[in-house]
Amino acid sequence: SARTPTLVEALLAGERVLLVTDAGMPSVSDPGFRLVAAAVLEE
């Protein structure tokens, strides 16, 4: 929750942000949903 806004700022500044989890696809029972939702809101 705390780090998502910082990553969104990086995205809005034009940076390419790569999200990885320990195994498998992010957001599927792993961190990621909050960041995806926030990025979608910012188009």
PDB file of all heavy atoms in Angstrom:
ATOM      1  N   SER A   1       0.826  -1.211   0.000  1.00  0.00           N
ATOM      2  CA  SER A   1       0.000   0.000   0.000  1.00  0.00           C
ATOM      3  C   SER A   1       0.860   1.261   0.000  1.00  0.00           C
ATOM      4  O   SER A   1       0.576   2.225  -0.720  1.00  0.00           O
ATOM      5  CB  SER A   1      -0.925   0.008   1.217  1.00  0.00           C
ATOM      6  OG  SER A   1      -1.868  -1.040   1.141  1.00  0.00           O
ATOM      7  N   ALA A   2       1.918   1.262   0.818  1.00  0.00           N
ATOM      8  CA  ALA A   2       2.755   2.451   0.950  1.00  0.00           C
ATOM      9  C   ALA A   2       3.612   2.694  -0.286  1.00  0.00           C
ATOM     10  O   ALA A   2       3.880   3.849  -0.644  1.00  0.00           O
ATOM     11  CB  ALA A   2       3.643   2.331   2.187  1.00  0.00           C
ATOM     12  N   ARG A   3       4.049   1.619  -0.948  1.00  0.00           N
ATOM     13  CA  ARG A   3       4.983   1.777  -2.069  1.00  0.00           C
ATOM     14  C   ARG A   3       4.267   2.026  -3.396  1.00  0.00           C
ATOM     15  O   ARG A   3       4.857   2.545  -4.336  1.00  0.00           O
ATOM     16  CB  ARG A   3       5.886   0.555  -2.162  1.00  0.00           C
ATOM     17  CG  ARG A   3       6.963   0.640  -3.233  1.00  0.00           C
ATOM     18  CD  ARG A   3       8.252   0.037  -2.762  1.00  0.00           C
ATOM     19  NE  ARG A   3       8.970   0.901  -1.835  1.00  0.00           N
ATOM     20  CZ  ARG A   3      10.051   0.530  -1.160  1.00  0.00           C
ATOM     21  NH1 ARG A   3      10.536  -0.692  -1.309  1.00  0.00           N
ATOM     22  NH2 ARG A   3      10.648   1.360  -0.337  1.00  0.00           N
ATOM     23  N   THR A   4       3.023   1.663  -3.503  1.00  0.00           N
ATOM     24  CA  THR A   4       2.311   1.820  -4.766  1.00  0.00           C
ATOM     25  C   THR A   4       2.343   3.259  -5.297  1.00  0.00           C
ATOM     26  O   THR A   4       2.642   3.468  -6.483  1.00  0.00           O
ATOM     27  CB  THR A   4       0.858   1.325  -4.632  1.00  0.00           C
ATOM     28  OG1 THR A   4       0.867  -0.099  -4.452  1.00  0.00           O
ATOM     29  CG2 THR A   4       0.032   1.654  -5.870  1.00  0.00           C
ATOM     30  N   PRO A   5       2.065   4.291  -4.487  1.00  0.00           N
ATOM     31  CA  PRO A   5       2.105   5.663  -5.024  1.00  0.00           C
ATOM     32  C   PRO A   5       3.467   6.038  -5.604  1.00  0.00           C
ATOM     33  O   PRO A   5       3.536   6.743  -6.618  1.00  0.00           O
ATOM     34  CB  PRO A   5       1.759   6.519  -3.799  1.00  0.00           C
ATOM     35  CG  PRO A   5       0.982   5.621  -2.910  1.00  0.00           C
ATOM     36  CD  PRO A   5       1.610   4.275  -3.076  1.00  0.00           C
ATOM     37  N   THR A   6       4.562   5.587  -4.978  1.00  0.00           N
ATOM     38  CA  THR A   6       5.903   5.893  -5.482  1.00  0.00           C
ATOM     39  C   THR A   6       6.127   5.273  -6.854  1.00  0.00           C
ATOM     40  O   THR A   6       6.710   5.895  -7.755  1.00  0.00           O
ATOM     41  CB  THR A   6       6.968   5.375  -4.496  1.00  0.00           C
ATOM     42  OG1 THR A   6       6.744   5.959  -3.213  1.00  0.00           O
ATOM     43  CG2 THR A   6       8.364   5.731  -4.974  1.00  0.00           C
ATOM     44  N   LEU A   7       5.653   4.051  -7.017  1.00  0.00           N
ATOM     45  CA  LEU A   7       5.814   3.379  -8.313  1.00  0.00           C
ATOM     46  C   LEU A   7       4.940   4.039  -9.382  1.00  0.00           C
ATOM     47  O   LEU A   7       5.346   4.129 -10.545  1.00  0.00           O
ATOM     48  CB  LEU A   7       5.478   1.893  -8.173  1.00  0.00           C
ATOM     49  CG  LEU A   7       6.460   1.083  -7.308  1.00  0.00           C
ATOM     50  CD1 LEU A   7       5.954  -0.344  -7.108  1.00  0.00           C
ATOM     51  CD2 LEU A   7       7.849   1.066  -7.937  1.00  0.00           C
ATOM     52  N   VAL A   8       3.764   4.484  -8.996  1.00  0.00           N
ATOM     53  CA  VAL A   8       2.912   5.197  -9.954  1.00  0.00           C
ATOM     54  C   VAL A   8       3.582   6.501 -10.388  1.00  0.00           C
ATOM     55  O   VAL A   8       3.538   6.877 -11.572  1.00  0.00           O
ATOM     56  CB  VAL A   8       1.516   5.463  -9.352  1.00  0.00           C
ATOM     57  CG1 VAL A   8       0.706   6.387 -10.262  1.00  0.00           C
ATOM     58  CG2 VAL A   8       0.765   4.151  -9.142  1.00  0.00           C
ATOM     59  N   GLU A   9       4.225   7.176  -9.461  1.00  0.00           N
ATOM     60  CA  GLU A   9       4.959   8.398  -9.810  1.00  0.00           C
ATOM     61  C   GLU A   9       6.051   8.102 -10.833  1.00  0.00           C
ATOM     62  O   GLU A   9       6.270   8.867 -11.773  1.00  0.00           O
ATOM     63  CB  GLU A   9       5.574   9.021  -8.547  1.00  0.00           C
ATOM     64  CG  GLU A   9       4.573   9.672  -7.618  1.00  0.00           C
ATOM     65  CD  GLU A   9       5.232  10.214  -6.358  1.00  0.00           C
ATOM     66  OE1 GLU A   9       6.488  10.199  -6.298  1.00  0.00           O
ATOM     67  OE2 GLU A   9       4.504  10.646  -5.443  1.00  0.00           O
ATOM     68  N   ALA A  10       6.754   7.005 -10.636  1.00  0.00           N
ATOM     69  CA  ALA A  10       7.802   6.610 -11.590  1.00  0.00           C
ATOM     70  C   ALA A  10       7.202   6.341 -12.968  1.00  0.00           C
ATOM     71  O   ALA A  10       7.766   6.738 -13.997  1.00  0.00           O
ATOM     72  CB  ALA A  10       8.541   5.374 -11.077  1.00  0.00           C
ATOM     73  N   LEU A  11       6.054   5.691 -12.987  1.00  0.00           N
ATOM     74  CA  LEU A  11       5.378   5.414 -14.260  1.00  0.00           C
ATOM     75  C   LEU A  11       4.941   6.709 -14.939  1.00  0.00           C
ATOM     76  O   LEU A  11       5.105   6.878 -16.153  1.00  0.00           O
ATOM     77  CB  LEU A  11       4.178   4.497 -14.016  1.00  0.00           C
ATOM     78  CG  LEU A  11       4.499   3.041 -13.661  1.00  0.00           C
ATOM     79  CD1 LEU A  11       3.296   2.360 -13.016  1.00  0.00           C
ATOM     80  CD2 LEU A  11       4.932   2.283 -14.921  1.00  0.00           C
ATOM     81  N   LEU A  12       4.384   7.624 -14.157  1.00  0.00           N
ATOM     82  CA  LEU A  12       3.943   8.901 -14.727  1.00  0.00           C
ATOM     83  C   LEU A  12       5.128   9.733 -15.227  1.00  0.00           C
ATOM     84  O   LEU A  12       4.959  10.581 -16.117  1.00  0.00           O
ATOM     85  CB  LEU A  12       3.151   9.695 -13.678  1.00  0.00           C
ATOM     86  CG  LEU A  12       1.775   9.120 -13.314  1.00  0.00           C
ATOM     87  CD1 LEU A  12       1.176   9.869 -12.136  1.00  0.00           C
ATOM     88  CD2 LEU A  12       0.834   9.177 -14.519  1.00  0.00           C
ATOM     89  N   ALA A  13       6.317   9.477 -14.683  1.00  0.00           N
ATOM     90  CA  ALA A  13       7.525  10.182 -15.127  1.00  0.00           C
ATOM     91  C   ALA A  13       8.131   9.547 -16.368  1.00  0.00           C
ATOM     92  O   ALA A  13       9.163  10.015 -16.869  1.00  0.00           O
ATOM     93  CB  ALA A  13       8.553  10.210 -14.004  1.00  0.00           C
ATOM     94  N   GLY A  14       7.486   8.474 -16.857  1.00  0.00           N
ATOM     95  CA  GLY A  14       7.943   7.863 -18.104  1.00  0.00           C
ATOM     96  C   GLY A  14       8.815   6.635 -17.927  1.00  0.00           C
ATOM     97  O   GLY A  14       9.368   6.123 -18.907  1.00  0.00           O
ATOM     98  N   GLU A  15       8.923   6.129 -16.713  1.00  0.00           N
ATOM     99  CA  GLU A  15       9.806   4.980 -16.491  1.00  0.00           C
ATOM    100  C   GLU A  15       9.088   3.656 -16.749  1.00  0.00           C
ATOM    101  O   GLU A  15       7.873   3.553 -16.620  1.00  0.00           O
ATOM    102  CB  GLU A  15      10.367   5.014 -15.075  1.00  0.00           C
ATOM    103  CG  GLU A  15      11.289   6.198 -14.828  1.00  0.00           C
ATOM    104  CD  GLU A  15      12.019   6.094 -13.510  1.00  0.00           C
ATOM    105  OE1 GLU A  15      11.350   6.182 -12.454  1.00  0.00           O
ATOM    106  OE2 GLU A  15      13.251   5.932 -13.530  1.00  0.00           O
ATOM    107  N   ARG A  16       9.895   2.662 -17.092  1.00  0.00           N
ATOM    108  CA  ARG A  16       9.389   1.306 -17.330  1.00  0.00           C
ATOM    109  C   ARG A  16       9.562   0.533 -16.025  1.00  0.00           C
ATOM    110  O   ARG A  16      10.685   0.306 -15.563  1.00  0.00           O
ATOM    111  CB  ARG A  16      10.158   0.629 -18.464  1.00  0.00           C
ATOM    112  CG  ARG A  16       9.535  -0.685 -18.951  1.00  0.00           C
ATOM    113  CD  ARG A  16      10.295  -1.221 -20.165  1.00  0.00           C
ATOM    114  NE  ARG A  16       9.611  -2.357 -20.764  1.00  0.00           N
ATOM    115  CZ  ARG A  16       8.672  -2.280 -21.686  1.00  0.00           C
ATOM    116  NH1 ARG A  16       8.282  -1.081 -22.116  1.00  0.00           N
ATOM    117  NH2 ARG A  16       8.101  -3.364 -22.188  1.00  0.00           N
ATOM    118  N   VAL A  17       8.433   0.152 -15.416  1.00  0.00           N
ATOM    119  CA  VAL A  17       8.457  -0.526 -14.124  1.00  0.00           C
ATOM    120  C   VAL A  17       8.127  -1.999 -14.331  1.00  0.00           C
ATOM    121  O   VAL A  17       7.071  -2.332 -14.888  1.00  0.00           O
ATOM    122  CB  VAL A  17       7.460   0.119 -13.142  1.00  0.00           C
ATOM    123  CG1 VAL A  17       7.422  -0.666 -11.830  1.00  0.00           C
ATOM    124  CG2 VAL A  17       7.833   1.574 -12.880  1.00  0.00           C
ATOM    125  N   LEU A  18       9.003  -2.853 -13.861  1.00  0.00           N
ATOM    126  CA  LEU A  18       8.814  -4.301 -13.970  1.00  0.00           C
ATOM    127  C   LEU A  18       8.457  -4.855 -12.599  1.00  0.00           C
ATOM    128  O   LEU A  18       9.157  -4.590 -11.610  1.00  0.00           O
ATOM    129  CB  LEU A  18      10.090  -4.964 -14.480  1.00  0.00           C
ATOM    130  CG  LEU A  18      10.054  -6.491 -14.645  1.00  0.00           C
ATOM    131  CD1 LEU A  18       9.142  -6.889 -15.790  1.00  0.00           C
ATOM    132  CD2 LEU A  18      11.459  -7.045 -14.871  1.00  0.00           C
ATOM    133  N   LEU A  19       7.365  -5.592 -12.506  1.00  0.00           N
ATOM    134  CA  LEU A  19       6.932  -6.189 -11.243  1.00  0.00           C
ATOM    135  C   LEU A  19       7.101  -7.702 -11.316  1.00  0.00           C
ATOM    136  O   LEU A  19       6.577  -8.353 -12.225  1.00  0.00           O
ATOM    137  CB  LEU A  19       5.472  -5.836 -10.967  1.00  0.00           C
ATOM    138  CG  LEU A  19       4.849  -6.459  -9.713  1.00  0.00           C
ATOM    139  CD1 LEU A  19       5.587  -6.023  -8.464  1.00  0.00           C
ATOM    140  CD2 LEU A  19       3.372  -6.090  -9.612  1.00  0.00           C
ATOM    141  N   VAL A  20       7.843  -8.249 -10.349  1.00  0.00           N
ATOM    142  CA  VAL A  20       8.018  -9.702 -10.270  1.00  0.00           C
ATOM    143  C   VAL A  20       7.734 -10.159  -8.844  1.00  0.00           C
ATOM    144  O   VAL A  20       7.978  -9.436  -7.886  1.00  0.00           O
ATOM    145  CB  VAL A  20       9.439 -10.141 -10.680  1.00  0.00           C
ATOM    146  CG1 VAL A  20       9.699  -9.870 -12.149  1.00  0.00           C
ATOM    147  CG2 VAL A  20      10.507  -9.473  -9.821  1.00  0.00           C
ATOM    148  N   THR A  21       7.218 -11.367  -8.719  1.00  0.00           N
ATOM    149  CA  THR A  21       7.014 -11.967  -7.407  1.00  0.00           C
ATOM    150  C   THR A  21       7.908 -13.195  -7.293  1.00  0.00           C
ATOM    151  O   THR A  21       8.679 -13.510  -8.205  1.00  0.00           O
ATOM    152  CB  THR A  21       5.536 -12.333  -7.199  1.00  0.00           C
ATOM    153  OG1 THR A  21       5.092 -13.159  -8.292  1.00  0.00           O
ATOM    154  CG2 THR A  21       4.673 -11.083  -7.146  1.00  0.00           C
ATOM    155  N   ASP A  22       7.803 -13.896  -6.174  1.00  0.00           N
ATOM    156  CA  ASP A  22       8.708 -15.020  -5.949  1.00  0.00           C
ATOM    157  C   ASP A  22       8.523 -16.133  -6.970  1.00  0.00           C
ATOM    158  O   ASP A  22       9.488 -16.809  -7.346  1.00  0.00           O
ATOM    159  CB  ASP A  22       8.494 -15.582  -4.539  1.00  0.00           C
ATOM    160  CG  ASP A  22       8.957 -14.617  -3.461  1.00  0.00           C
ATOM    161  OD1 ASP A  22       9.667 -13.656  -3.801  1.00  0.00           O
ATOM    162  OD2 ASP A  22       8.615 -14.829  -2.290  1.00  0.00           O
ATOM    163  N   ALA A  23       7.297 -16.355  -7.401  1.00  0.00           N
ATOM    164  CA  ALA A  23       7.021 -17.423  -8.366  1.00  0.00           C
ATOM    165  C   ALA A  23       5.663 -17.181  -9.001  1.00  0.00           C
ATOM    166  O   ALA A  23       4.720 -16.772  -8.336  1.00  0.00           O
ATOM    167  CB  ALA A  23       7.035 -18.785  -7.675  1.00  0.00           C
ATOM    168  N   GLY A  24       5.589 -17.422 -10.315  1.00  0.00           N
ATOM    169  CA  GLY A  24       4.316 -17.273 -11.005  1.00  0.00           C
ATOM    170  C   GLY A  24       4.019 -15.836 -11.392  1.00  0.00           C
ATOM    171  O   GLY A  24       4.900 -14.977 -11.450  1.00  0.00           O
ATOM    172  N   MET A  25       2.741 -15.573 -11.658  1.00  0.00           N
ATOM    173  CA  MET A  25       2.303 -14.276 -12.162  1.00  0.00           C
ATOM    174  C   MET A  25       1.913 -13.320 -11.035  1.00  0.00           C
ATOM    175  O   MET A  25       1.127 -13.682 -10.168  1.00  0.00           O
ATOM    176  CB  MET A  25       1.101 -14.462 -13.094  1.00  0.00           C
ATOM    177  CG  MET A  25       0.535 -13.158 -13.656  1.00  0.00           C
ATOM    178  SD  MET A  25       1.699 -12.233 -14.691  1.00  0.00           S
ATOM    179  CE  MET A  25       1.737 -13.282 -16.151  1.00  0.00           C
ATOM    180  N   PRO A  26       2.463 -12.105 -11.009  1.00  0.00           N
ATOM    181  CA  PRO A  26       2.041 -11.113 -10.029  1.00  0.00           C
ATOM    182  C   PRO A  26       0.526 -10.924 -10.058  1.00  0.00           C
ATOM    183  O   PRO A  26      -0.110 -11.096 -11.095  1.00  0.00           O
ATOM    184  CB  PRO A  26       2.766  -9.842 -10.486  1.00  0.00           C
ATOM    185  CG  PRO A  26       3.974 -10.334 -11.202  1.00  0.00           C
ATOM    186  CD  PRO A  26       3.518 -11.592 -11.906  1.00  0.00           C
ATOM    187  N   SER A  27      -0.044 -10.580  -8.912  1.00  0.00           N
ATOM    188  CA  SER A  27      -1.475 -10.328  -8.704  1.00  0.00           C
ATOM    189  C   SER A  27      -2.267 -11.592  -8.418  1.00  0.00           C
ATOM    190  O   SER A  27      -3.358 -11.520  -7.857  1.00  0.00           O
ATOM    191  CB  SER A  27      -2.131  -9.592  -9.886  1.00  0.00           C
ATOM    192  OG  SER A  27      -1.673  -8.264  -9.945  1.00  0.00           O
ATOM    193  N   VAL A  28      -1.756 -12.764  -8.807  1.00  0.00           N
ATOM    194  CA  VAL A  28      -2.488 -14.006  -8.576  1.00  0.00           C
ATOM    195  C   VAL A  28      -2.034 -14.583  -7.237  1.00  0.00           C
ATOM    196  O   VAL A  28      -1.025 -15.275  -7.149  1.00  0.00           O
ATOM    197  CB  VAL A  28      -2.261 -15.028  -9.711  1.00  0.00           C
ATOM    198  CG1 VAL A  28      -3.082 -16.290  -9.453  1.00  0.00           C
ATOM    199  CG2 VAL A  28      -2.631 -14.422 -11.054  1.00  0.00           C
ATOM    200  N   SER A  29      -2.762 -14.242  -6.165  1.00  0.00           N
ATOM    201  CA  SER A  29      -2.397 -14.592  -4.791  1.00  0.00           C
ATOM    202  C   SER A  29      -1.018 -14.058  -4.426  1.00  0.00           C
ATOM    203  O   SER A  29      -0.327 -14.603  -3.567  1.00  0.00           O
ATOM    204  CB  SER A  29      -2.443 -16.117  -4.583  1.00  0.00           C
ATOM    205  OG  SER A  29      -3.750 -16.539  -4.332  1.00  0.00           O
ATOM    206  N   ASP A  30      -0.588 -13.010  -5.082  1.00  0.00           N
ATOM    207  CA  ASP A  30       0.697 -12.364  -4.852  1.00  0.00           C
ATOM    208  C   ASP A  30       0.509 -10.859  -4.966  1.00  0.00           C
ATOM    209  O   ASP A  30      -0.501 -10.389  -5.506  1.00  0.00           O
ATOM    210  CB  ASP A  30       1.735 -12.826  -5.887  1.00  0.00           C
ATOM    211  CG  ASP A  30       2.400 -14.143  -5.502  1.00  0.00           C
ATOM    212  OD1 ASP A  30       2.537 -14.401  -4.291  1.00  0.00           O
ATOM    213  OD2 ASP A  30       2.784 -14.903  -6.406  1.00  0.00           O
ATOM    214  N   PRO A  31       1.474 -10.062  -4.498  1.00  0.00           N
ATOM    215  CA  PRO A  31       1.361  -8.611  -4.666  1.00  0.00           C
ATOM    216  C   PRO A  31       1.207  -8.213  -6.130  1.00  0.00           C
ATOM    217  O   PRO A  31       1.723  -8.887  -7.014  1.00  0.00           O
ATOM    218  CB  PRO A  31       2.689  -8.095  -4.093  1.00  0.00           C
ATOM    219  CG  PRO A  31       3.132  -9.157  -3.148  1.00  0.00           C
ATOM    220  CD  PRO A  31       2.690 -10.451  -3.778  1.00  0.00           C
ATOM    221  N   GLY A  32       0.499  -7.109  -6.365  1.00  0.00           N
ATOM    222  CA  GLY A  32       0.355  -6.617  -7.729  1.00  0.00           C
ATOM    223  C   GLY A  32      -0.956  -5.941  -8.025  1.00  0.00           C
ATOM    224  O   GLY A  32      -1.005  -4.978  -8.780  1.00  0.00           O
ATOM    225  N   PHE A  33      -2.030  -6.436  -7.429  1.00  0.00           N
ATOM    226  CA  PHE A  33      -3.347  -5.907  -7.771  1.00  0.00           C
ATOM    227  C   PHE A  33      -3.443  -4.403  -7.521  1.00  0.00           C
ATOM    228  O   PHE A  33      -3.955  -3.652  -8.349  1.00  0.00           O
ATOM    229  CB  PHE A  33      -4.452  -6.639  -6.999  1.00  0.00           C
ATOM    230  CG  PHE A  33      -5.799  -5.971  -7.123  1.00  0.00           C
ATOM    231  CD1 PHE A  33      -6.531  -6.077  -8.301  1.00  0.00           C
ATOM    232  CD2 PHE A  33      -6.307  -5.204  -6.084  1.00  0.00           C
ATOM    233  CE1 PHE A  33      -7.760  -5.444  -8.426  1.00  0.00           C
ATOM    234  CE2 PHE A  33      -7.535  -4.569  -6.203  1.00  0.00           C
ATOM    235  CZ  PHE A  33      -8.258  -4.694  -7.375  1.00  0.00           C
ATOM    236  N   ARG A  34      -2.956  -3.954  -6.359  1.00  0.00           N
ATOM    237  CA  ARG A  34      -3.053  -2.527  -6.041  1.00  0.00           C
ATOM    238  C   ARG A  34      -2.324  -1.672  -7.067  1.00  0.00           C
ATOM    239  O   ARG A  34      -2.811  -0.615  -7.477  1.00  0.00           O
ATOM    240  CB  ARG A  34      -2.487  -2.260  -4.641  1.00  0.00           C
ATOM    241  CG  ARG A  34      -3.342  -2.762  -3.494  1.00  0.00           C
ATOM    242  CD  ARG A  34      -2.764  -2.332  -2.158  1.00  0.00           C
ATOM    243  NE  ARG A  34      -3.584  -2.750  -1.032  1.00  0.00           N
ATOM    244  CZ  ARG A  34      -3.477  -3.923  -0.420  1.00  0.00           C
ATOM    245  NH1 ARG A  34      -2.565  -4.794  -0.856  1.00  0.00           N
ATOM    246  NH2 ARG A  34      -4.253  -4.233   0.587  1.00  0.00           N
ATOM    247  N   LEU A  35      -1.158  -2.112  -7.473  1.00  0.00           N
ATOM    248  CA  LEU A  35      -0.379  -1.338  -8.438  1.00  0.00           C
ATOM    249  C   LEU A  35      -1.062  -1.327  -9.802  1.00  0.00           C
ATOM    250  O   LEU A  35      -1.125  -0.282 -10.467  1.00  0.00           O
ATOM    251  CB  LEU A  35       1.034  -1.909  -8.556  1.00  0.00           C
ATOM    252  CG  LEU A  35       1.973  -1.173  -9.509  1.00  0.00           C
ATOM    253  CD1 LEU A  35       2.080   0.305  -9.162  1.00  0.00           C
ATOM    254  CD2 LEU A  35       3.355  -1.824  -9.500  1.00  0.00           C
ATOM    255  N   VAL A  36      -1.589  -2.455 -10.218  1.00  0.00           N
ATOM    256  CA  VAL A  36      -2.296  -2.518 -11.501  1.00  0.00           C
ATOM    257  C   VAL A  36      -3.507  -1.602 -11.476  1.00  0.00           C
ATOM    258  O   VAL A  36      -3.735  -0.819 -12.414  1.00  0.00           O
ATOM    259  CB  VAL A  36      -2.712  -3.966 -11.828  1.00  0.00           C
ATOM    260  CG1 VAL A  36      -3.601  -3.995 -13.074  1.00  0.00           C
ATOM    261  CG2 VAL A  36      -1.486  -4.840 -12.051  1.00  0.00           C
ATOM    262  N   ALA A  37      -4.293  -1.679 -10.405  1.00  0.00           N
ATOM    263  CA  ALA A  37      -5.494  -0.851 -10.302  1.00  0.00           C
ATOM    264  C   ALA A  37      -5.126   0.629 -10.324  1.00  0.00           C
ATOM    265  O   ALA A  37      -5.802   1.442 -10.982  1.00  0.00           O
ATOM    266  CB  ALA A  37      -6.262  -1.198  -9.030  1.00  0.00           C
ATOM    267  N   ALA A  38      -4.064   1.008  -9.623  1.00  0.00           N
ATOM    268  CA  ALA A  38      -3.646   2.409  -9.584  1.00  0.00           C
ATOM    269  C   ALA A  38      -3.145   2.870 -10.948  1.00  0.00           C
ATOM    270  O   ALA A  38      -3.416   3.999 -11.373  1.00  0.00           O
ATOM    271  CB  ALA A  38      -2.551   2.594  -8.531  1.00  0.00           C
ATOM    272  N   ALA A  39      -2.434   2.000 -11.644  1.00  0.00           N
ATOM    273  CA  ALA A  39      -1.934   2.349 -12.974  1.00  0.00           C
ATOM    274  C   ALA A  39      -3.086   2.519 -13.963  1.00  0.00           C
ATOM    275  O   ALA A  39      -3.091   3.440 -14.792  1.00  0.00           O
ATOM    276  CB  ALA A  39      -0.960   1.279 -13.465  1.00  0.00           C
ATOM    277  N   VAL A  40      -4.070   1.657 -13.877  1.00  0.00           N
ATOM    278  CA  VAL A  40      -5.230   1.746 -14.773  1.00  0.00           C
ATOM    279  C   VAL A  40      -5.969   3.061 -14.545  1.00  0.00           C
ATOM    280  O   VAL A  40      -6.414   3.717 -15.504  1.00  0.00           O
ATOM    281  CB  VAL A  40      -6.158   0.531 -14.564  1.00  0.00           C
ATOM    282  CG1 VAL A  40      -7.489   0.733 -15.284  1.00  0.00           C
ATOM    283  CG2 VAL A  40      -5.485  -0.747 -15.049  1.00  0.00           C
ATOM    284  N   LEU A  41      -6.107   3.470 -13.282  1.00  0.00           N
ATOM    285  CA  LEU A  41      -6.779   4.740 -12.978  1.00  0.00           C
ATOM    286  C   LEU A  41      -6.053   5.924 -13.613  1.00  0.00           C
ATOM    287  O   LEU A  41      -6.674   6.914 -13.994  1.00  0.00           O
ATOM    288  CB  LEU A  41      -6.872   4.937 -11.466  1.00  0.00           C
ATOM    289  CG  LEU A  41      -7.950   4.138 -10.732  1.00  0.00           C
ATOM    290  CD1 LEU A  41      -7.832   4.356  -9.230  1.00  0.00           C
ATOM    291  CD2 LEU A  41      -9.347   4.522 -11.218  1.00  0.00           C
ATOM    292  N   GLU A  42      -4.739   5.822 -13.738  1.00  0.00           N
ATOM    293  CA  GLU A  42      -3.940   6.900 -14.329  1.00  0.00           C
ATOM    294  C   GLU A  42      -3.779   6.727 -15.839  1.00  0.00           C
ATOM    295  O   GLU A  42      -3.027   7.462 -16.481  1.00  0.00           O
ATOM    296  CB  GLU A  42      -2.556   6.945 -13.668  1.00  0.00           C
ATOM    297  CG  GLU A  42      -2.571   7.316 -12.195  1.00  0.00           C
ATOM    298  CD  GLU A  42      -2.940   8.761 -11.954  1.00  0.00           C
ATOM    299  OE1 GLU A  42      -2.952   9.553 -12.943  1.00  0.00           O
ATOM    300  OE2 GLU A  42      -3.222   9.122 -10.799  1.00  0.00           O
ATOM    301  N   GLU A  43      -4.495   5.731 -16.385  1.00  0.00           N
ATOM    302  CA  GLU A  43      -4.446   5.435 -17.825  1.00  0.00           C
ATOM    303  C   GLU A  43      -3.024   5.111 -18.293  1.00  0.00           C
ATOM    304  O   GLU A  43      -2.600   5.475 -19.387  1.00  0.00           O
ATOM    305  CB  GLU A  43      -5.037   6.594 -18.639  1.00  0.00           C
ATOM    306  CG  GLU A  43      -6.501   6.855 -18.313  1.00  0.00           C
ATOM    307  CD  GLU A  43      -7.129   7.922 -19.190  1.00  0.00           C
ATOM    308  OE1 GLU A  43      -6.371   8.629 -19.894  1.00  0.00           O
ATOM    309  OE2 GLU A  43      -8.364   8.038 -19.190  1.00  0.00           O
TER     310      GLU A  43
END
